[in-house]
Amino acid sequence: MSENVILQVNNLKTYFDVTKGIFAPKQIVKAVDDVTFDVKEGETFGLVGESGCGKTTLGRTIVKLYEPAGGSITFEGKDVSKIKGADLKAFRKDMQMIFQDPYASLNPRMTVGEIIKEPMIIHNIYDTDEEREERAVELLKIVGLKPDHIRRYPAEFSGGQRQRIGIARSLAVNPKFIVCDEPISALDASIQAQVVNLLKNIQREMNISYLFIAHDLSMVKYISDRIGVMYLGHIVELGPSNDVYHRPLHPYTSALLSAIPIPDPDQAKARNRIVLEGEVPSPINPPAGCPFCTRCPKATERCRTERPQPIEVGTRTVSCHLYEK
């Protein structure tokens, strides 16, 4: 892993107007609200949090599927938050995405070969169809599929195989960065391990950087160099994966870790499970103070009125009043 930063996200915001009717009061969903982090060349940055916390929206904003409402996205030293046209097309060649649902992300009317070759055609990679076909076969081998699969359709494959096809498609344009949006959540446990190991092998061989989005903290720890913990559109803790996993600072991170299943029944009974009460607040009307204050067992009056700012605690960054001096 290089020390050079390939992606820098600063104070990024992604809002959606969900107002119903002309005369209805304005309602804005703050899906991503003031998020800052960076990713180095060859690094895997893991992003975890509950469903609805804004992980997928953040990933889609970074690849420019959603337009940011504020902040900046800097890729290889260039601000790409407002690019369009030819610049956007060139950016898409360097940054690809693996989608969560392998059943919905592949065109059922296209063969595997057509699916993999399509990005090469769009970005004018290779001069002839024979060269593209040869590269498609090579990519199928890289992701653990057979060359004769190139003539088949997505419906003829299992979920794990379809996800491998999605990975092959993302590699077709030789990207430098891939956003992996929960690429293993729809797969069986044994297939999850295969896909994660495949991604690690590809990273070692091609020096690709990943933003890896998932629910499973144990899997994210295995693949990630650093982890960001997201809650209600904010990153509340960020740091090296081992530090976050073994010594969590933010109360929300501690609660997430306590929910990881343990295969040993005796250990599972003995551990102290942190059960959060209440529901996640609406991103339309978030709390005035800390976004986690309505569910935090350690919340004070200050937490309810004043939003904590990110502060450095050792190797990590945490947004919590408990660590302010």
Protein backbone atom coordinates (compact mmCIF):
# COMPACT_ATOMS: atom_id res chain seq x y z
CA MET A 1 0.00 0.00 0.00
CA SER A 2 1.30 3.42 -1.01
CA GLU A 3 1.21 6.54 1.16
CA ASN A 4 -0.15 8.53 -1.80
CA VAL A 5 -3.81 9.52 -1.41
CA ILE A 6 -5.90 8.56 -4.45
CA LEU A 7 -9.32 9.71 -3.13
CA GLN A 8 -10.11 12.55 -0.76
CA VAL A 9 -13.66 13.31 0.36
CA ASN A 10 -14.16 16.60 2.20
CA ASN A 11 -17.37 17.69 3.96
CA LEU A 12 -19.45 15.76 1.42
CA LYS A 13 -23.22 16.20 1.52
CA THR A 14 -25.91 14.37 -0.45
CA TYR A 15 -29.47 15.59 0.06
CA PHE A 16 -32.73 14.50 -1.56
CA ASP A 17 -35.87 16.63 -1.84
CA VAL A 18 -38.82 14.37 -0.92
CA THR A 19 -41.42 17.11 -0.61
CA LYS A 20 -44.88 15.87 -1.65
CA GLY A 21 -47.05 18.44 -3.37
CA ILE A 22 -46.57 22.07 -4.32
CA PHE A 23 -47.96 23.50 -1.09
CA ALA A 24 -46.51 20.91 1.30
CA PRO A 25 -43.72 21.93 3.69
CA LYS A 26 -40.26 21.27 2.27
CA GLN A 27 -38.72 17.96 3.33
CA ILE A 28 -35.05 17.24 2.70
CA VAL A 29 -33.45 13.85 3.39
CA LYS A 30 -29.88 14.39 4.57
CA ALA A 31 -28.58 11.00 3.43
CA VAL A 32 -24.90 11.99 3.64
CA ASP A 33 -24.10 14.95 5.87
CA ASP A 34 -20.61 16.43 6.16
CA VAL A 35 -18.50 13.29 5.59
CA THR A 36 -14.69 13.52 5.37
CA PHE A 37 -12.14 10.74 4.75
CA ASP A 38 -9.40 9.69 2.33
CA VAL A 39 -8.22 6.47 0.68
CA LYS A 40 -4.62 5.68 -0.25
CA GLU A 41 -3.37 3.88 -3.35
CA GLY A 42 -3.74 0.11 -2.92
CA GLU A 43 -5.75 0.53 0.31
CA THR A 44 -9.11 -0.93 1.25
CA PHE A 45 -11.27 1.50 3.22
CA GLY A 46 -14.17 -0.29 4.92
CA LEU A 47 -17.47 1.46 5.59
CA VAL A 48 -19.94 -0.06 8.06
CA GLY A 49 -23.22 0.88 9.69
CA GLU A 50 -26.88 -0.04 9.98
CA SER A 51 -29.22 -0.15 6.99
CA GLY A 52 -30.29 3.35 6.02
CA CYS A 53 -27.25 5.11 7.48
CA GLY A 54 -26.14 6.43 4.07
CA LYS A 55 -23.36 3.98 3.10
CA THR A 56 -24.68 3.16 -0.38
CA THR A 57 -25.60 6.80 -1.05
CA LEU A 58 -22.05 7.82 -0.14
CA GLY A 59 -20.60 5.20 -2.50
CA ARG A 60 -22.90 6.21 -5.36
CA THR A 61 -22.10 9.89 -4.82
CA ILE A 62 -18.36 9.17 -5.04
CA VAL A 63 -18.79 7.41 -8.41
CA LYS A 64 -21.05 10.28 -9.55
CA LEU A 65 -24.29 8.32 -9.81
CA TYR A 66 -25.71 10.93 -7.40
CA GLU A 67 -24.84 14.61 -7.44
CA PRO A 68 -23.41 15.98 -4.18
CA ALA A 69 -25.23 18.84 -2.48
CA GLY A 70 -21.99 20.18 -1.03
CA GLY A 71 -18.37 19.42 -0.26
CA SER A 72 -15.77 18.02 -2.63
CA ILE A 73 -14.54 14.72 -4.10
CA THR A 74 -10.89 14.83 -5.12
CA PHE A 75 -9.60 11.92 -7.23
CA GLU A 76 -5.89 11.81 -8.09
CA GLY A 77 -5.58 15.49 -7.16
CA LYS A 78 -8.53 16.67 -9.30
CA ASP A 79 -11.88 17.86 -7.97
CA VAL A 80 -14.45 15.63 -9.70
CA SER A 81 -17.54 16.69 -7.74
CA LYS A 82 -18.93 18.80 -10.61
CA ILE A 83 -17.42 17.21 -13.74
CA LYS A 84 -19.60 16.34 -16.74
CA GLY A 85 -19.34 15.14 -20.32
CA ALA A 86 -15.96 13.85 -21.51
CA ASP A 87 -14.34 14.45 -18.10
CA LEU A 88 -16.99 12.33 -16.40
CA LYS A 89 -16.53 9.55 -18.95
CA ALA A 90 -12.75 9.53 -18.35
CA PHE A 91 -13.35 9.48 -14.59
CA ARG A 92 -15.73 6.51 -14.89
CA LYS A 93 -12.98 4.54 -16.62
CA ASP A 94 -10.75 4.93 -13.55
CA MET A 95 -13.48 4.43 -10.94
CA GLN A 96 -15.89 1.50 -11.18
CA MET A 97 -18.56 0.01 -8.93
CA ILE A 98 -19.59 -3.51 -7.91
CA PHE A 99 -23.30 -3.46 -7.04
CA GLN A 100 -24.98 -5.19 -4.15
CA ASP A 101 -27.53 -7.32 -6.01
CA PRO A 102 -25.91 -9.65 -8.58
CA TYR A 103 -29.38 -10.54 -9.89
CA ALA A 104 -30.42 -6.97 -10.70
CA SER A 105 -27.09 -5.50 -11.86
CA LEU A 106 -26.65 -7.72 -14.96
CA ASN A 107 -28.70 -7.33 -18.14
CA PRO A 108 -30.57 -10.65 -18.54
CA ARG A 109 -30.75 -10.23 -22.34
CA MET A 110 -27.00 -9.96 -22.80
CA THR A 111 -24.51 -12.82 -22.75
CA VAL A 112 -21.66 -12.75 -20.22
CA GLY A 113 -19.27 -11.84 -23.04
CA GLU A 114 -21.42 -8.88 -24.11
CA ILE A 115 -21.72 -7.68 -20.49
CA ILE A 116 -17.94 -7.71 -19.96
CA LYS A 117 -17.11 -6.25 -23.39
CA GLU A 118 -19.63 -3.39 -23.16
CA PRO A 119 -17.38 -1.14 -20.96
CA MET A 120 -14.47 -1.77 -23.34
CA ILE A 121 -16.60 -0.60 -26.28
CA ILE A 122 -17.85 2.51 -24.42
CA HIS A 123 -14.32 3.54 -23.47
CA ASN A 124 -12.72 2.56 -26.79
CA ILE A 125 -10.43 -0.07 -25.29
CA TYR A 126 -8.91 -2.41 -27.92
CA ASP A 127 -9.37 -1.98 -31.67
CA THR A 128 -11.11 -5.22 -32.61
CA ASP A 129 -13.82 -7.43 -31.17
CA GLU A 130 -11.36 -10.34 -31.17
CA GLU A 131 -9.10 -8.46 -28.76
CA ARG A 132 -12.05 -7.61 -26.52
CA GLU A 133 -13.18 -11.23 -26.61
CA GLU A 134 -9.71 -12.39 -25.60
CA ARG A 135 -9.66 -9.93 -22.71
CA ALA A 136 -13.15 -11.02 -21.58
CA VAL A 137 -12.01 -14.67 -21.48
CA GLU A 138 -8.93 -13.62 -19.49
CA LEU A 139 -11.12 -11.75 -16.97
CA LEU A 140 -13.41 -14.76 -16.56
CA LYS A 141 -10.37 -16.85 -15.65
CA ILE A 142 -9.19 -14.18 -13.18
CA VAL A 143 -12.53 -14.26 -11.33
CA GLY A 144 -12.66 -18.07 -11.27
CA LEU A 145 -15.08 -18.79 -14.13
CA LYS A 146 -14.61 -20.92 -17.24
CA PRO A 147 -13.94 -19.53 -20.75
CA ASP A 148 -17.03 -21.27 -22.17
CA HIS A 149 -19.22 -19.23 -19.76
CA ILE A 150 -18.76 -16.30 -22.14
CA ARG A 151 -21.68 -17.51 -24.32
CA ARG A 152 -24.13 -18.01 -21.47
CA TYR A 153 -26.74 -15.66 -19.98
CA PRO A 154 -26.90 -14.41 -16.35
CA ALA A 155 -29.96 -16.60 -15.59
CA GLU A 156 -27.78 -19.69 -16.02
CA PHE A 157 -25.54 -18.80 -13.06
CA SER A 158 -25.75 -18.89 -9.27
CA GLY A 159 -25.61 -15.74 -7.14
CA GLY A 160 -21.90 -16.16 -6.41
CA GLN A 161 -21.12 -16.69 -10.08
CA ARG A 162 -23.13 -13.61 -11.06
CA GLN A 163 -21.20 -11.53 -8.58
CA ARG A 164 -17.98 -12.80 -10.14
CA ILE A 165 -19.30 -11.66 -13.53
CA GLY A 166 -19.99 -8.23 -11.99
CA ILE A 167 -16.41 -8.11 -10.70
CA ALA A 168 -15.09 -9.08 -14.15
CA ARG A 169 -17.16 -6.28 -15.71
CA SER A 170 -15.74 -3.73 -13.27
CA LEU A 171 -12.19 -4.86 -14.13
CA ALA A 172 -12.77 -4.62 -17.90
CA VAL A 173 -11.57 -1.01 -18.13
CA ASN A 174 -8.54 -1.47 -15.81
CA PRO A 175 -9.81 0.86 -13.06
CA LYS A 176 -7.69 2.37 -10.31
CA PHE A 177 -10.52 2.47 -7.74
CA ILE A 178 -13.58 0.27 -7.17
CA VAL A 179 -16.54 1.00 -4.88
CA CYS A 180 -17.77 -2.36 -3.58
CA ASP A 181 -21.36 -1.76 -2.45
CA GLU A 182 -22.13 -4.71 -0.14
CA PRO A 183 -20.88 -7.19 -2.78
CA ILE A 184 -21.29 -10.19 -0.45
CA SER A 185 -24.56 -9.45 1.40
CA ALA A 186 -26.74 -11.46 -1.03
CA LEU A 187 -24.43 -14.50 -0.99
CA ASP A 188 -24.09 -17.62 1.17
CA ALA A 189 -21.40 -17.58 3.86
CA SER A 190 -19.05 -19.94 2.00
CA ILE A 191 -19.41 -17.93 -1.22
CA GLN A 192 -18.82 -14.68 0.71
CA ALA A 193 -15.36 -15.88 1.75
CA GLN A 194 -14.53 -16.84 -1.84
CA VAL A 195 -15.55 -13.44 -3.22
CA VAL A 196 -13.66 -11.53 -0.51
CA ASN A 197 -10.49 -13.58 -1.10
CA LEU A 198 -10.90 -12.98 -4.84
CA LEU A 199 -11.06 -9.21 -4.25
CA LYS A 200 -7.92 -9.35 -2.08
CA ASN A 201 -6.03 -11.31 -4.74
CA ILE A 202 -7.07 -8.88 -7.47
CA GLN A 203 -5.95 -5.96 -5.32
CA ARG A 204 -2.51 -7.48 -4.76
CA GLU A 205 -2.02 -8.15 -8.47
CA MET A 206 -3.44 -4.89 -9.86
CA ASN A 207 -2.85 -2.41 -6.97
CA ILE A 208 -6.50 -1.32 -7.02
CA SER A 209 -7.97 0.75 -4.17
CA TYR A 210 -11.33 -0.26 -2.69
CA LEU A 211 -14.14 1.42 -0.81
CA PHE A 212 -15.73 -1.69 0.73
CA ILE A 213 -19.27 -1.16 2.06
CA ALA A 214 -20.82 -3.86 4.28
CA HIS A 215 -22.86 -4.64 7.38
CA ASP A 216 -20.61 -7.42 8.65
CA LEU A 217 -17.87 -5.87 10.80
CA SER A 218 -15.90 -9.11 11.04
CA MET A 219 -15.71 -9.41 7.24
CA VAL A 220 -14.84 -5.74 6.90
CA LYS A 221 -12.03 -6.17 9.43
CA TYR A 222 -10.64 -9.06 7.39
CA ILE A 223 -10.47 -7.16 4.09
CA SER A 224 -9.96 -3.53 5.22
CA ASP A 225 -6.88 -1.54 6.20
CA ARG A 226 -9.00 1.17 7.82
CA ILE A 227 -12.65 1.33 8.84
CA GLY A 228 -15.15 4.16 8.96
CA VAL A 229 -18.28 3.69 11.09
CA MET A 230 -21.32 5.52 9.71
CA TYR A 231 -24.49 6.56 11.51
CA LEU A 232 -27.33 8.73 10.16
CA GLY A 233 -25.22 10.23 7.37
CA HIS A 234 -22.14 10.89 9.52
CA ILE A 235 -18.88 9.02 10.07
CA VAL A 236 -18.67 8.78 13.87
CA GLU A 237 -15.40 6.81 14.13
CA LEU A 238 -12.53 6.18 11.74
CA GLY A 239 -9.23 4.37 12.18
CA PRO A 240 -7.10 1.27 11.53
CA SER A 241 -9.27 -1.84 11.33
CA ASN A 242 -7.60 -3.69 14.24
CA ASP A 243 -7.89 -0.67 16.54
CA VAL A 244 -11.56 -0.07 15.70
CA TYR A 245 -12.40 -3.76 16.03
CA HIS A 246 -10.56 -4.51 19.28
CA ARG A 247 -10.75 -1.13 21.07
CA PRO A 248 -13.84 0.78 19.88
CA LEU A 249 -14.17 4.38 21.09
CA HIS A 250 -17.62 5.53 19.99
CA PRO A 251 -20.61 3.99 21.84
CA TYR A 252 -22.22 3.15 18.50
CA THR A 253 -19.14 1.21 17.34
CA SER A 254 -19.20 -0.75 20.62
CA ALA A 255 -22.86 -1.63 20.05
CA LEU A 256 -22.19 -2.78 16.48
CA LEU A 257 -19.31 -5.01 17.60
CA SER A 258 -21.36 -6.54 20.39
CA ALA A 259 -23.92 -7.69 17.80
CA ILE A 260 -21.44 -9.79 15.79
CA PRO A 261 -22.51 -13.45 16.04
CA ILE A 262 -20.15 -15.78 17.94
CA PRO A 263 -20.18 -19.47 16.89
CA ASP A 264 -19.45 -20.72 20.44
CA PRO A 265 -22.76 -20.72 22.46
CA ASP A 266 -20.95 -20.45 25.81
CA GLN A 267 -18.96 -17.40 24.70
CA ALA A 268 -22.09 -15.87 23.19
CA LYS A 269 -23.93 -16.17 26.52
CA ALA A 270 -21.00 -14.81 28.53
CA ARG A 271 -20.37 -11.67 26.52
CA ASN A 272 -21.92 -8.31 27.32
CA ARG A 273 -24.36 -7.51 24.51
CA ILE A 274 -25.18 -3.81 24.10
CA VAL A 275 -28.82 -3.48 23.07
CA LEU A 276 -29.69 -0.07 21.66
CA GLU A 277 -33.14 1.19 22.49
CA GLY A 278 -35.35 3.13 20.13
CA GLU A 279 -35.28 3.64 16.39
CA VAL A 280 -32.80 5.46 14.18
CA PRO A 281 -34.03 9.09 13.85
CA SER A 282 -35.36 10.24 10.51
CA PRO A 283 -32.72 11.81 8.22
CA ILE A 284 -35.43 14.37 7.35
CA ASN A 285 -35.43 15.65 10.94
CA PRO A 286 -32.14 14.58 12.58
CA PRO A 287 -31.31 15.49 16.20
CA ALA A 288 -29.92 18.96 16.80
CA GLY A 289 -26.88 17.64 18.67
CA CYS A 290 -25.07 14.35 18.28
CA PRO A 291 -26.86 12.16 15.70
CA PHE A 292 -26.57 9.18 18.06
CA CYS A 293 -27.82 10.96 21.22
CA THR A 294 -31.37 9.53 21.07
CA ARG A 295 -30.06 5.95 21.44
CA CYS A 296 -26.75 6.42 23.25
CA PRO A 297 -26.61 5.00 26.81
CA LYS A 298 -23.95 7.59 27.72
CA ALA A 299 -25.69 10.68 26.30
CA THR A 300 -25.70 13.91 28.32
CA GLU A 301 -27.62 17.15 27.91
CA ARG A 302 -24.70 18.56 25.94
CA CYS A 303 -24.99 15.68 23.46
CA ARG A 304 -28.62 16.64 22.77
CA THR A 305 -27.86 20.28 22.00
CA GLU A 306 -24.30 20.43 20.61
CA ARG A 307 -22.97 18.39 17.70
CA PRO A 308 -19.52 16.90 18.46
CA GLN A 309 -16.68 17.69 16.06
CA PRO A 310 -14.22 15.01 14.85
CA ILE A 311 -11.18 14.85 17.13
CA GLU A 312 -7.97 12.83 16.99
CA VAL A 313 -7.61 10.13 19.64
CA GLY A 314 -4.39 8.22 19.03
CA THR A 315 -4.60 6.59 15.60
CA ARG A 316 -8.30 7.34 15.22
CA THR A 317 -10.79 10.10 14.60
CA VAL A 318 -13.97 10.04 16.69
CA SER A 319 -16.96 12.39 16.92
CA CYS A 320 -17.99 12.14 20.56
CA HIS A 321 -18.07 14.57 23.51
CA LEU A 322 -16.70 11.83 25.80
CA TYR A 323 -13.23 12.34 24.34
CA GLU A 324 -13.10 16.11 24.30
CA LYS A 325 -10.67 17.70 26.76
